[in-house]
Amino acid sequence: MKKTILLTVGLSATAMLAACGDDQGTDDNTEQLFIKTSIFPYQDWTTAIGGDYVDVENIVPAGADAHTYEPTPQEMIEVADADLFIYNGAELEPFADSILSAIENQDVHILEGSAQTHLIASDHDHDHGDEHDHSPLINEGDLQVNGIQDHYHSDDSATLSVDDEGDWHWYTSTDNENWDRVTEEPTNEYSFTTNHNGLHVQAVQYDENEEVIATSDTVQIIIDDHDEHDHNHGDYDPHVWLDPIRSIEIAQSIRDTLTELMPEQEDYFNENFQALEAQFHELDEAFVDTVETATHDTFIVSHAGYGYWEQRYGLNQIGIAGISPTSEPSQTELIQTVEKAQELGLHYVLFEPNITPRVSEIVQDHLDAEALQIHPLESLTEEDKENDEDYFSLMRSNVETLEQALNE
């Protein structure tokens, strides 16, 4: 069962609902939960699931970047007055730690979005040459692992599994480098008890010659026996909302949290979630169709924030900046980027709104390439708001952008 990170401080759901008051309702008979989110996708999904029973506000305003935004004191006060604060985590929003500290003794529920699914390693760099595997185990494998990575306490029971029924051997490592086989017989499920040390876990399948033929993703088990807000996701890609399938898990946790806060609306929230889930699957199919019919599989983008598309759909991104758009490349890295793009014959550079494009424009000029827009969805632009864009309309636009970039 997926482990939901839901931290509750002090106040019952019934009391919280009473605290909402008629002034937050859609009419005299409808109470609403007041919810603050850190990024636009969570605002959009929560609004879709909660419908008439939620009032959702996003902290990062239109035109701002979640990586660098700093909330005002008034915004901090508003979060403290909320029933629920939903943030991404995985070190996406530097301001999240300040908010969590500020509301530590307040009656606010907290949901960490990235902790509701498993993340991929943030190992994107500017070395676009050949990759060399120094170990039979890799971070991004052929199959996802069912279960939950991330925060456990010592002596918790944990079970990980893969859907394939083949002969899988399970390995663990404390440093992600030196691995030990921990199962005597092949199995598609591994159960264990956590200790004070964290673990990396992966399943491997061999052929009759003991050659690796398949691997699962690497899952990290983090032991958190101390401050419940002191989470370290620095080794993982935080842009998980760009993966439609992982987004389902996060949206499901939002549904479950709303149900805990307002249990009498369980059927309503679940019906809305099911409609949202169907849209996620349609979006996933659009990505698959686009990639399967594409001429090539590589695109060049202003920053390497699209690792989940690489892992899910077999694409390759060349990020001009690193996992954060503020990590500008060196002159050598810029040259390597240009040379790789020329070698592959790439004719487009994908730019993001809300981010200064100075370095990306240098690459575009050297390549004599055309600019296209790709949307990271962390926050809206003013134009997005005027056009009433939502998560799915922006993601469909991203699919169209990829279709153009991958076929010319």
Protein backbone atom coordinates (compact mmCIF):
# COMPACT_ATOMS: atom_id res chain seq x y z
CA MET A 1 0.00 0.00 0.00
CA LYS A 2 1.28 3.43 -0.87
CA LYS A 3 2.30 5.42 2.18
CA THR A 4 0.70 8.88 2.30
CA ILE A 5 2.71 11.60 4.02
CA LEU A 6 -0.04 13.51 5.80
CA LEU A 7 1.08 15.53 8.80
CA THR A 8 -1.67 16.80 11.09
CA VAL A 9 -1.12 19.27 13.87
CA GLY A 10 -3.58 19.44 16.66
CA LEU A 11 -7.08 20.02 15.30
CA SER A 12 -9.73 17.49 14.31
CA ALA A 13 -11.31 17.53 10.87
CA THR A 14 -14.69 18.42 12.40
CA ALA A 15 -13.28 21.41 14.22
CA MET A 16 -11.43 22.48 11.08
CA LEU A 17 -14.58 22.45 9.03
CA ALA A 18 -16.34 24.52 11.65
CA ALA A 19 -13.46 26.99 11.52
CA CYS A 20 -13.95 27.46 7.78
CA GLY A 21 -17.09 29.48 8.38
CA ASP A 22 -19.87 30.56 6.03
CA ASP A 23 -17.71 33.33 4.60
CA GLN A 24 -15.67 30.70 2.71
CA GLY A 25 -18.68 28.84 1.29
CA THR A 26 -20.03 29.04 -2.22
CA ASP A 27 -23.45 29.80 -0.66
CA ASP A 28 -25.03 29.87 2.77
CA ASN A 29 -25.26 26.08 2.89
CA THR A 30 -21.85 25.05 1.54
CA GLU A 31 -18.75 24.95 3.70
CA GLN A 32 -15.37 25.03 2.00
CA LEU A 33 -11.88 23.96 2.90
CA PHE A 34 -9.35 26.77 2.48
CA ILE A 35 -6.27 25.30 0.78
CA LYS A 36 -2.91 26.81 -0.19
CA THR A 37 -0.66 25.15 -2.77
CA SER A 38 2.92 25.84 -3.81
CA ILE A 39 2.67 25.11 -7.55
CA PHE A 40 -0.07 25.40 -10.14
CA PRO A 41 -0.67 21.67 -10.90
CA TYR A 42 -1.62 21.00 -7.27
CA GLN A 43 -3.95 23.99 -7.27
CA ASP A 44 -5.59 22.77 -10.47
CA TRP A 45 -5.99 19.14 -9.37
CA THR A 46 -7.26 20.09 -5.91
CA THR A 47 -9.83 22.43 -7.44
CA ALA A 48 -10.94 19.70 -9.86
CA ILE A 49 -11.30 17.09 -7.11
CA GLY A 50 -12.71 19.36 -4.40
CA GLY A 51 -15.11 21.26 -6.64
CA ASP A 52 -17.66 23.27 -4.66
CA TYR A 53 -16.11 22.29 -1.34
CA VAL A 54 -12.67 23.86 -1.71
CA ASP A 55 -11.21 27.33 -2.06
CA VAL A 56 -7.70 26.85 -3.44
CA GLU A 57 -5.03 29.53 -3.81
CA ASN A 58 -1.54 29.10 -5.21
CA ILE A 59 1.37 30.81 -3.50
CA VAL A 60 3.62 31.36 -6.53
CA PRO A 61 1.97 34.11 -8.59
CA ALA A 62 1.68 34.26 -12.35
CA GLY A 63 4.97 35.09 -14.00
CA ALA A 64 7.13 33.89 -11.06
CA ASP A 65 9.42 30.86 -10.75
CA ALA A 66 8.94 28.39 -7.89
CA HIS A 67 12.69 27.78 -7.73
CA THR A 68 13.39 31.39 -6.71
CA TYR A 69 10.12 32.83 -5.37
CA GLU A 70 9.99 34.18 -1.80
CA PRO A 71 6.55 34.53 -0.18
CA THR A 72 5.55 37.78 1.49
CA PRO A 73 4.77 37.87 5.24
CA GLN A 74 1.07 38.16 4.33
CA GLU A 75 1.29 34.98 2.27
CA MET A 76 2.87 33.18 5.21
CA ILE A 77 -0.03 34.29 7.40
CA GLU A 78 -2.53 33.01 4.84
CA VAL A 79 -0.92 29.57 4.86
CA ALA A 80 -1.15 29.51 8.66
CA ASP A 81 -4.88 30.21 8.33
CA ALA A 82 -5.43 27.42 5.81
CA ASP A 83 -6.95 24.01 6.45
CA LEU A 84 -4.42 22.33 4.16
CA PHE A 85 -1.04 23.21 2.66
CA ILE A 86 0.06 21.16 -0.37
CA TYR A 87 3.62 21.57 -1.55
CA ASN A 88 5.86 19.61 -3.89
CA GLY A 89 9.02 19.09 -1.84
CA ALA A 90 12.12 17.42 -3.28
CA GLU A 91 13.81 20.81 -2.84
CA LEU A 92 11.76 22.42 -5.59
CA GLU A 93 10.52 25.35 -3.52
CA PRO A 94 13.18 26.83 -1.22
CA PHE A 95 10.41 28.74 0.55
CA ALA A 96 8.64 25.55 1.67
CA ASP A 97 10.94 25.00 4.65
CA SER A 98 10.20 28.50 5.94
CA ILE A 99 6.47 27.91 5.62
CA LEU A 100 6.65 24.53 7.34
CA SER A 101 8.56 26.09 10.24
CA ALA A 102 6.09 28.98 10.46
CA ILE A 103 3.02 26.70 10.63
CA GLU A 104 4.58 24.02 12.83
CA ASN A 105 2.34 24.90 15.78
CA GLN A 106 -0.69 25.86 13.71
CA ASP A 107 -3.79 23.83 12.89
CA VAL A 108 -2.80 23.09 9.31
CA HIS A 109 -2.77 19.76 7.50
CA ILE A 110 0.29 19.24 5.29
CA LEU A 111 0.61 17.13 2.16
CA GLU A 112 3.98 16.72 0.42
CA GLY A 113 3.19 15.91 -3.21
CA SER A 114 6.49 14.37 -4.28
CA ALA A 115 6.37 11.94 -1.34
CA GLN A 116 3.25 10.30 -2.76
CA THR A 117 5.11 8.56 -5.58
CA HIS A 118 8.66 7.44 -6.40
CA LEU A 119 11.07 9.93 -7.90
CA ILE A 120 13.88 9.54 -10.40
CA ALA A 121 17.44 10.57 -9.72
CA SER A 122 18.42 14.13 -10.60
CA ASP A 123 21.54 12.95 -12.43
CA HIS A 124 21.05 15.15 -15.49
CA ASP A 125 24.30 16.85 -16.44
CA HIS A 126 25.94 18.44 -19.47
CA ASP A 127 28.04 15.46 -20.50
CA HIS A 128 26.30 14.49 -23.73
CA GLY A 129 28.90 11.96 -24.76
CA ASP A 130 28.68 8.20 -24.41
CA GLU A 131 27.45 6.91 -21.09
CA HIS A 132 29.42 4.21 -19.30
CA ASP A 133 27.78 1.92 -16.78
CA HIS A 134 30.20 1.02 -14.00
CA SER A 135 27.70 -1.27 -12.30
CA PRO A 136 25.12 -3.81 -13.43
CA LEU A 137 22.60 -1.81 -11.43
CA ILE A 138 21.20 1.48 -12.75
CA ASN A 139 18.83 4.11 -11.35
CA GLU A 140 16.28 4.07 -14.14
CA GLY A 141 15.25 0.53 -14.96
CA ASP A 142 12.84 -1.27 -17.23
CA LEU A 143 10.08 -1.58 -14.63
CA GLN A 144 8.71 0.67 -11.93
CA VAL A 145 8.79 -0.57 -8.37
CA ASN A 146 5.47 -0.80 -6.56
CA GLY A 147 5.65 0.46 -3.01
CA ILE A 148 6.85 3.68 -1.50
CA GLN A 149 10.28 5.15 -1.48
CA ASP A 150 11.13 7.96 0.89
CA HIS A 151 10.36 8.47 4.55
CA TYR A 152 10.22 5.53 6.94
CA HIS A 153 11.06 5.19 10.59
CA SER A 154 13.37 2.57 12.02
CA ASP A 155 11.72 -0.85 12.43
CA ASP A 156 8.97 -0.12 9.90
CA SER A 157 7.81 -3.01 7.72
CA ALA A 158 8.18 -2.38 4.00
CA THR A 159 7.32 -4.35 0.87
CA LEU A 160 8.45 -3.58 -2.67
CA SER A 161 7.41 -5.44 -5.79
CA VAL A 162 7.47 -5.42 -9.59
CA ASP A 163 4.50 -6.41 -11.74
CA ASP A 164 6.49 -8.83 -13.88
CA GLU A 165 6.29 -12.40 -12.57
CA GLY A 166 9.77 -13.36 -13.81
CA ASP A 167 12.81 -14.42 -11.78
CA TRP A 168 13.85 -11.23 -10.01
CA HIS A 169 16.78 -10.97 -7.62
CA TRP A 170 16.73 -8.11 -5.11
CA TYR A 171 19.74 -6.01 -4.16
CA THR A 172 20.32 -3.35 -1.53
CA SER A 173 23.00 -0.73 -1.02
CA THR A 174 23.65 1.94 1.57
CA ASP A 175 25.67 4.14 -0.80
CA ASN A 176 24.12 3.37 -4.24
CA GLU A 177 27.49 1.94 -5.32
CA ASN A 178 28.25 -1.28 -3.42
CA TRP A 179 25.38 -3.75 -3.78
CA ASP A 180 24.46 -6.95 -1.94
CA ARG A 181 21.96 -9.56 -3.08
CA VAL A 182 19.39 -9.95 -0.28
CA THR A 183 17.04 -12.64 -1.63
CA GLU A 184 17.98 -16.31 -1.79
CA GLU A 185 15.37 -17.31 -4.39
CA PRO A 186 14.02 -15.30 -7.33
CA THR A 187 10.84 -13.39 -6.47
CA ASN A 188 8.94 -10.38 -7.72
CA GLU A 189 8.39 -9.14 -4.15
CA TYR A 190 10.82 -8.13 -1.40
CA SER A 191 9.76 -7.54 2.21
CA PHE A 192 12.07 -6.21 4.90
CA THR A 193 12.27 -4.29 8.16
CA THR A 194 13.97 -0.91 8.11
CA ASN A 195 16.80 0.00 10.44
CA HIS A 196 18.48 3.31 11.22
CA ASN A 197 20.38 3.23 7.91
CA GLY A 198 18.78 4.29 4.65
CA LEU A 199 18.79 1.90 1.70
CA HIS A 200 18.77 1.85 -2.07
CA VAL A 201 16.82 -1.14 -3.42
CA GLN A 202 16.64 -2.61 -6.91
CA ALA A 203 15.43 -5.80 -8.60
CA VAL A 204 17.49 -7.45 -11.36
CA GLN A 205 16.66 -10.20 -13.84
CA TYR A 206 19.33 -12.40 -15.48
CA ASP A 207 19.39 -14.74 -18.45
CA GLU A 208 20.83 -18.28 -18.34
CA ASN A 209 24.33 -16.85 -18.84
CA GLU A 210 23.97 -14.54 -15.84
CA GLU A 211 23.77 -11.50 -18.09
CA VAL A 212 21.49 -8.68 -16.92
CA ILE A 213 18.38 -8.60 -19.11
CA ALA A 214 16.12 -6.30 -17.06
CA THR A 215 16.26 -4.04 -14.04
CA SER A 216 13.75 -2.16 -11.96
CA ASP A 217 14.04 1.46 -10.95
CA THR A 218 16.24 2.12 -7.94
CA VAL A 219 14.11 2.99 -4.92
CA GLN A 220 15.56 4.93 -2.01
CA ILE A 221 14.40 4.20 1.52
CA ILE A 222 15.02 7.22 3.74
CA ILE A 223 14.89 6.72 7.51
CA ASP A 224 13.42 9.75 9.24
CA ASP A 225 13.41 9.33 13.02
CA HIS A 226 13.68 13.02 13.85
CA ASP A 227 12.06 16.25 12.67
CA GLU A 228 9.13 15.22 10.49
CA HIS A 229 9.70 18.23 8.19
CA ASP A 230 13.44 17.65 7.72
CA HIS A 231 13.26 15.86 4.37
CA ASN A 232 16.18 15.66 1.97
CA HIS A 233 15.27 15.08 -1.66
CA GLY A 234 18.33 16.76 -3.11
CA ASP A 235 19.30 13.73 -5.20
CA TYR A 236 15.95 13.52 -7.01
CA ASP A 237 14.24 15.30 -9.87
CA PRO A 238 11.37 17.33 -8.34
CA HIS A 239 9.39 17.88 -11.57
CA VAL A 240 7.18 14.86 -10.96
CA TRP A 241 3.90 16.52 -12.01
CA LEU A 242 5.09 16.35 -15.64
CA ASP A 243 4.61 12.57 -15.56
CA PRO A 244 0.87 11.86 -16.11
CA ILE A 245 1.05 8.43 -14.44
CA ARG A 246 2.90 9.56 -11.31
CA SER A 247 0.49 12.50 -11.18
CA ILE A 248 -2.36 10.05 -10.66
CA GLU A 249 -0.78 8.89 -7.41
CA ILE A 250 -0.43 12.46 -6.17
CA ALA A 251 -3.99 13.34 -7.17
CA GLN A 252 -5.19 10.20 -5.37
CA SER A 253 -3.48 11.40 -2.19
CA ILE A 254 -5.14 14.79 -2.59
CA ARG A 255 -8.51 13.01 -2.86
CA ASP A 256 -7.76 10.95 0.24
CA THR A 257 -6.73 14.05 2.19
CA LEU A 258 -9.86 15.96 1.22
CA THR A 259 -11.92 12.95 2.23
CA GLU A 260 -10.23 12.86 5.63
CA LEU A 261 -11.00 16.53 6.14
CA MET A 262 -14.58 16.31 4.82
CA PRO A 263 -15.63 12.63 4.97
CA GLU A 264 -19.27 13.34 4.18
CA GLN A 265 -18.20 14.29 0.63
CA GLU A 266 -16.22 11.09 -0.04
CA ASP A 267 -18.35 10.02 -3.01
CA TYR A 268 -18.22 13.49 -4.55
CA PHE A 269 -14.42 13.71 -4.25
CA ASN A 270 -13.96 10.20 -5.61
CA GLU A 271 -16.21 10.85 -8.61
CA ASN A 272 -14.22 13.98 -9.46
CA PHE A 273 -10.94 12.11 -9.01
CA GLN A 274 -12.04 9.37 -11.40
CA ALA A 275 -12.78 11.97 -14.08
CA LEU A 276 -9.35 13.49 -13.49
CA GLU A 277 -7.69 10.07 -13.64
CA ALA A 278 -9.22 9.43 -17.05
CA GLN A 279 -7.72 12.68 -18.31
CA PHE A 280 -4.28 11.65 -17.04
CA HIS A 281 -4.52 8.40 -18.99
CA GLU A 282 -5.60 10.24 -22.14
CA LEU A 283 -2.61 12.56 -21.75
CA ASP A 284 -0.28 9.60 -21.29
CA GLU A 285 -1.63 8.04 -24.50
CA ALA A 286 -1.01 11.31 -26.35
CA PHE A 287 2.63 11.27 -25.25
CA VAL A 288 3.02 7.63 -26.29
CA ASP A 289 1.46 8.23 -29.71
CA THR A 290 3.67 11.27 -30.32
CA VAL A 291 6.90 9.51 -29.39
CA GLU A 292 6.08 6.32 -31.30
CA THR A 293 5.58 8.22 -34.56
CA ALA A 294 8.44 10.73 -34.09
CA THR A 295 11.40 10.95 -36.44
CA HIS A 296 13.90 11.22 -33.60
CA ASP A 297 13.88 11.11 -29.82
CA THR A 298 16.01 14.04 -28.64
CA PHE A 299 15.09 17.64 -27.90
CA ILE A 300 17.09 20.60 -26.60
CA VAL A 301 15.50 22.64 -23.82
CA SER A 302 16.44 25.62 -21.68
CA HIS A 303 16.83 23.55 -18.50
CA ALA A 304 16.90 19.83 -17.72
CA GLY A 305 13.52 19.64 -16.03
CA TYR A 306 12.01 16.91 -18.20
CA GLY A 307 13.66 13.76 -16.89
CA TYR A 308 10.28 12.12 -16.27
CA TRP A 309 9.56 12.25 -20.00
CA GLU A 310 12.92 10.59 -20.58
CA GLN A 311 12.15 7.83 -18.10
CA ARG A 312 8.50 7.32 -19.06
CA TYR A 313 8.61 7.72 -22.83
CA GLY A 314 12.20 6.99 -23.86
CA LEU A 315 13.01 10.56 -24.85
CA ASN A 316 16.37 12.31 -24.45
CA GLN A 317 16.63 15.90 -23.32
CA ILE A 318 19.64 18.14 -23.78
CA GLY A 319 19.29 20.65 -20.97
CA ILE A 320 21.15 23.92 -21.51
CA ALA A 321 20.93 24.61 -17.77
CA GLY A 322 20.81 21.90 -15.12
CA ILE A 323 17.95 20.47 -13.06
CA SER A 324 17.34 24.01 -11.75
CA PRO A 325 17.00 26.81 -14.30
CA THR A 326 19.27 28.96 -12.12
CA SER A 327 22.27 26.62 -12.58
CA GLU A 328 23.86 28.17 -15.65
CA PRO A 329 26.29 26.08 -17.71
CA SER A 330 29.98 26.82 -18.18
CA GLN A 331 31.43 27.90 -21.51
CA THR A 332 32.70 24.35 -22.07
CA GLU A 333 29.27 22.90 -21.38
CA LEU A 334 27.68 25.37 -23.80
CA ILE A 335 30.10 24.30 -26.52
CA GLN A 336 29.33 20.63 -25.84
CA THR A 337 25.60 21.35 -26.03
CA VAL A 338 25.93 23.14 -29.37
CA GLU A 339 28.14 20.41 -30.83
CA LYS A 340 25.76 17.65 -29.74
CA ALA A 341 22.75 19.49 -31.16
CA GLN A 342 24.58 20.04 -34.46
CA GLU A 343 25.54 16.38 -34.58
CA LEU A 344 21.91 15.35 -34.13
CA GLY A 345 20.59 17.94 -36.55
CA LEU A 346 18.24 19.60 -34.05
CA HIS A 347 16.36 22.57 -35.51
CA TYR A 348 14.51 23.81 -32.42
CA VAL A 349 15.36 25.11 -28.96
CA LEU A 350 12.56 24.78 -26.41
CA PHE A 351 12.17 27.83 -24.15
CA GLU A 352 10.16 28.09 -20.94
CA PRO A 353 7.98 31.02 -19.88
CA ASN A 354 8.85 32.86 -16.66
CA ILE A 355 12.58 32.16 -17.12
CA THR A 356 15.11 34.62 -18.55
CA PRO A 357 16.26 33.01 -21.84
CA ARG A 358 19.68 34.70 -22.18
CA VAL A 359 21.86 31.55 -22.21
CA SER A 360 19.37 29.56 -24.29
CA GLU A 361 19.30 32.35 -26.86
CA ILE A 362 23.08 32.02 -27.23
CA VAL A 363 22.66 28.34 -28.11
CA GLN A 364 19.77 29.12 -30.45
CA ASP A 365 21.89 31.70 -32.30
CA HIS A 366 24.79 29.28 -32.73
CA LEU A 367 22.47 26.62 -34.09
CA ASP A 368 20.42 29.02 -36.20
CA ALA A 369 17.47 27.19 -34.65
CA GLU A 370 13.83 28.12 -34.26
CA ALA A 371 12.36 28.79 -30.82
CA LEU A 372 9.42 26.83 -29.43
CA GLN A 373 7.74 27.15 -26.05
CA ILE A 374 7.58 24.30 -23.55
CA HIS A 375 5.65 24.87 -20.32
CA PRO A 376 6.97 23.55 -16.97
CA LEU A 377 3.57 24.33 -15.31
CA GLU A 378 5.05 25.33 -11.94
CA SER A 379 3.19 28.63 -12.30
CA LEU A 380 1.05 30.32 -14.91
CA THR A 381 1.83 33.32 -17.04
CA GLU A 382 -0.54 36.28 -17.25
CA GLU A 383 -1.45 35.11 -20.74
CA ASP A 384 -2.27 31.64 -19.37
CA LYS A 385 -4.66 33.19 -16.86
CA GLU A 386 -6.34 35.32 -19.53
CA ASN A 387 -6.83 32.21 -21.67
CA ASP A 388 -8.20 30.14 -18.73
CA GLU A 389 -5.53 27.49 -19.24
CA ASP A 390 -5.50 24.45 -16.98
CA TYR A 391 -3.05 21.61 -16.41
CA PHE A 392 -4.33 19.49 -19.28
CA SER A 393 -4.59 22.27 -21.85
CA LEU A 394 -0.97 23.29 -21.12
CA MET A 395 0.25 19.70 -21.22
CA ARG A 396 -1.51 19.07 -24.52
CA SER A 397 0.29 22.14 -25.86
CA ASN A 398 3.53 20.57 -24.64
CA VAL A 399 2.72 17.40 -26.57
CA GLU A 400 2.15 19.47 -29.71
CA THR A 401 5.47 21.24 -29.15
CA LEU A 402 7.27 17.92 -28.80
CA GLU A 403 5.59 16.60 -31.92
CA GLN A 404 7.00 19.53 -33.90
CA ALA A 405 10.46 19.41 -32.30
CA LEU A 406 10.85 15.66 -32.78
CA ASN A 407 9.80 15.55 -36.43
CA GLU A 408 11.72 18.31 -38.21
